[in-house]
Amino acid sequence: MKEDTPVEWWKQGAVEGAPEPIVISPPKSNPFHDFEFAARPEHSMSFQDSIENVIRNFLNFSDRASRSEYWWFQLFFFVALAVADSIDVMISADGSGSAFGILVFLGLIIPNLAVTVRRLHDIGYSGWFLLLPLIPCLGSIFGLVIILLMIGDGQAQINNFGDVPTNTIVRE
């Protein structure tokens, strides 16, 4: 008995009525062409520069904030609140007055929200993610996830929210 040579049925058209193969050509342009990579800042922003930059940009909800700028301002925010509450306790003997603490909080909450939104932009998320902790029952989980996201480094390329932060302040 004579053995037949193996038939490569996918090349020989073994299936009747099968469509002709489609030639797939490589893309004419690089799909990663739109990504512009820029180096992350070599140095972190100082404590004073961070506070100055956040206060200057207290209504800017559209750019990006570096990790050092965000965390230095969070430290300033909580220390300022603690000092204001301590002053309130010293001023009022019964501990009922909290006017100074409320004023400090109201004065710093908008810059704090702005730097948080800019930090979310730096890691590639929309500022609307800041509203996730307001969801009942799941808010604390979302809040913890957002805090964990803030710990990580930002994106090293230009994203939809702007250029990579430089950690430098141009003083006029």
Protein backbone atom coordinates (compact mmCIF):
# COMPACT_ATOMS: atom_id res chain seq x y z
CA MET A 1 0.00 0.00 0.00
CA LYS A 2 1.36 3.36 -0.98
CA GLU A 3 1.32 6.17 1.58
CA ASP A 4 -0.08 9.48 0.51
CA THR A 5 1.90 12.59 1.16
CA PRO A 6 0.36 14.70 3.92
CA VAL A 7 -1.99 17.36 2.62
CA GLU A 8 -1.79 20.78 4.11
CA TRP A 9 -5.50 21.36 3.89
CA TRP A 10 -5.32 24.97 5.04
CA LYS A 11 -3.09 25.75 2.04
CA GLN A 12 -4.82 23.54 -0.49
CA GLY A 13 -8.33 24.89 0.01
CA ALA A 14 -9.72 21.66 1.46
CA VAL A 15 -12.88 23.37 2.60
CA GLU A 16 -15.16 24.11 -0.30
CA GLY A 17 -16.66 27.57 -0.37
CA ALA A 18 -14.18 28.98 2.13
CA PRO A 19 -13.37 32.63 1.61
CA GLU A 20 -10.03 33.65 0.24
CA PRO A 21 -7.43 34.49 2.88
CA ILE A 22 -7.15 38.12 3.83
CA VAL A 23 -3.68 39.58 3.80
CA ILE A 24 -3.05 41.60 6.94
CA SER A 25 -0.45 44.26 6.50
CA PRO A 26 1.33 45.96 9.38
CA PRO A 27 0.03 49.41 10.37
CA LYS A 28 1.32 52.27 8.29
CA SER A 29 2.18 54.31 11.37
CA ASN A 30 3.40 53.49 14.83
CA PRO A 31 0.37 53.03 17.13
CA PHE A 32 2.42 54.46 20.00
CA HIS A 33 3.26 57.58 18.03
CA ASP A 34 0.91 59.77 20.10
CA PHE A 35 2.66 59.00 23.39
CA GLU A 36 5.26 61.58 24.28
CA PHE A 37 7.48 60.35 27.06
CA ALA A 38 9.03 62.84 29.42
CA ALA A 39 11.17 62.08 32.40
CA ARG A 40 9.66 62.34 35.87
CA PRO A 41 11.15 65.11 38.01
CA GLU A 42 14.59 64.27 39.35
CA HIS A 43 13.97 65.95 42.69
CA SER A 44 10.94 66.19 44.92
CA MET A 45 9.24 69.47 45.66
CA SER A 46 10.16 71.08 48.97
CA PHE A 47 7.65 71.71 51.74
CA GLN A 48 7.51 75.49 51.19
CA ASP A 49 7.39 75.18 47.39
CA SER A 50 4.54 72.73 47.68
CA ILE A 51 2.46 75.03 49.86
CA GLU A 52 3.22 78.02 47.65
CA ASN A 53 2.35 76.15 44.46
CA VAL A 54 -0.92 74.77 45.83
CA ILE A 55 -2.02 78.17 47.18
CA ARG A 56 -1.15 79.81 43.84
CA ASN A 57 -3.14 77.17 41.93
CA PHE A 58 -6.01 76.81 44.40
CA LEU A 59 -8.63 77.03 41.64
CA ASN A 60 -6.72 74.95 39.08
CA PHE A 61 -8.52 71.62 38.75
CA SER A 62 -7.18 70.77 35.29
CA ASP A 63 -3.40 70.18 35.43
CA ARG A 64 -1.25 67.60 37.22
CA ALA A 65 0.38 67.57 40.66
CA SER A 66 3.41 65.50 41.58
CA ARG A 67 3.44 63.04 44.44
CA SER A 68 5.69 65.22 46.60
CA GLU A 69 3.52 68.30 46.05
CA TYR A 70 0.41 66.38 47.09
CA TRP A 71 1.83 64.73 50.20
CA TRP A 72 3.62 67.86 51.48
CA PHE A 73 0.39 69.80 51.20
CA GLN A 74 -1.54 67.02 52.99
CA LEU A 75 0.96 67.27 55.83
CA PHE A 76 0.51 71.04 55.95
CA PHE A 77 -3.29 70.67 55.86
CA PHE A 78 -3.45 68.28 58.80
CA VAL A 79 -0.86 70.19 60.87
CA ALA A 80 -2.73 73.47 60.24
CA LEU A 81 -6.00 71.86 61.35
CA ALA A 82 -4.38 70.38 64.46
CA VAL A 83 -2.83 73.74 65.41
CA ALA A 84 -6.12 75.57 64.79
CA ASP A 85 -8.04 73.07 66.91
CA SER A 86 -5.43 73.38 69.67
CA ILE A 87 -5.81 77.16 69.63
CA ASP A 88 -9.58 76.74 69.83
CA VAL A 89 -9.21 74.50 72.89
CA MET A 90 -6.87 77.00 74.59
CA ILE A 91 -9.13 79.96 73.88
CA SER A 92 -12.35 78.40 75.16
CA ALA A 93 -12.29 76.95 78.66
CA ASP A 94 -15.19 74.56 78.12
CA GLY A 95 -13.99 73.36 74.67
CA SER A 96 -17.16 74.46 72.89
CA GLY A 97 -15.63 77.10 70.60
CA SER A 98 -14.25 75.95 67.28
CA ALA A 99 -14.43 79.09 65.15
CA PHE A 100 -10.71 79.24 64.36
CA GLY A 101 -10.56 75.59 63.32
CA ILE A 102 -13.58 76.02 61.07
CA LEU A 103 -12.05 79.10 59.42
CA VAL A 104 -8.77 77.28 58.74
CA PHE A 105 -10.67 74.30 57.37
CA LEU A 106 -12.82 76.45 55.07
CA GLY A 107 -9.74 78.35 53.90
CA LEU A 108 -7.77 75.22 53.00
CA ILE A 109 -10.44 72.79 51.75
CA ILE A 110 -10.63 74.22 48.19
CA PRO A 111 -6.82 74.13 47.66
CA ASN A 112 -6.82 70.61 49.15
CA LEU A 113 -9.52 69.44 46.73
CA ALA A 114 -7.68 71.09 43.82
CA VAL A 115 -4.34 69.40 44.58
CA THR A 116 -6.12 66.06 45.08
CA VAL A 117 -7.84 66.33 41.69
CA ARG A 118 -4.53 67.30 40.07
CA ARG A 119 -2.83 64.32 41.75
CA LEU A 120 -5.55 62.00 40.37
CA HIS A 121 -4.83 63.49 36.94
CA ASP A 122 -1.13 62.72 37.40
CA ILE A 123 -1.83 59.03 37.94
CA GLY A 124 -4.20 58.99 34.95
CA TYR A 125 -7.63 59.14 36.59
CA SER A 126 -10.39 61.69 36.31
CA GLY A 127 -10.96 64.08 39.19
CA TRP A 128 -14.50 62.74 39.47
CA PHE A 129 -13.04 59.67 41.18
CA LEU A 130 -12.83 61.91 44.24
CA LEU A 131 -16.61 61.53 44.61
CA LEU A 132 -16.45 57.73 44.98
CA PRO A 133 -15.98 57.83 48.79
CA LEU A 134 -19.40 59.48 49.03
CA ILE A 135 -21.14 56.25 47.94
CA PRO A 136 -22.95 54.74 50.94
CA CYS A 137 -21.55 51.47 52.34
CA LEU A 138 -18.70 51.32 49.81
CA GLY A 139 -17.24 54.79 50.36
CA SER A 140 -14.60 53.77 52.86
CA ILE A 141 -13.30 51.06 50.54
CA PHE A 142 -13.12 53.51 47.63
CA GLY A 143 -11.43 56.07 49.90
CA LEU A 144 -8.78 53.54 50.87
CA VAL A 145 -8.21 52.61 47.21
CA ILE A 146 -7.80 56.29 46.29
CA ILE A 147 -5.26 56.79 49.09
CA LEU A 148 -3.34 53.73 47.88
CA LEU A 149 -3.38 55.11 44.33
CA MET A 150 -1.97 58.40 45.58
CA ILE A 151 1.08 56.59 46.98
CA GLY A 152 2.18 55.36 43.55
CA ASP A 153 4.21 57.33 41.04
CA GLY A 154 2.46 59.32 38.34
CA GLN A 155 2.48 58.58 34.64
CA ALA A 156 5.79 59.28 32.92
CA GLN A 157 4.20 60.49 29.72
CA ILE A 158 2.02 63.37 28.70
CA ASN A 159 -1.56 62.27 29.33
CA ASN A 160 -5.01 63.75 28.72
CA PHE A 161 -4.60 66.07 31.68
CA GLY A 162 -1.37 67.81 30.72
CA ASP A 163 2.40 67.66 30.83
CA VAL A 164 4.44 65.81 33.42
CA PRO A 165 4.83 67.98 36.54
CA THR A 166 8.27 69.56 36.87
CA ASN A 167 8.39 70.22 40.64
CA THR A 168 9.76 73.69 39.99
CA ILE A 169 8.12 77.03 40.62
CA VAL A 170 8.74 80.01 38.37
CA ARG A 171 8.95 83.01 40.66
CA GLU A 172 8.20 86.36 39.11
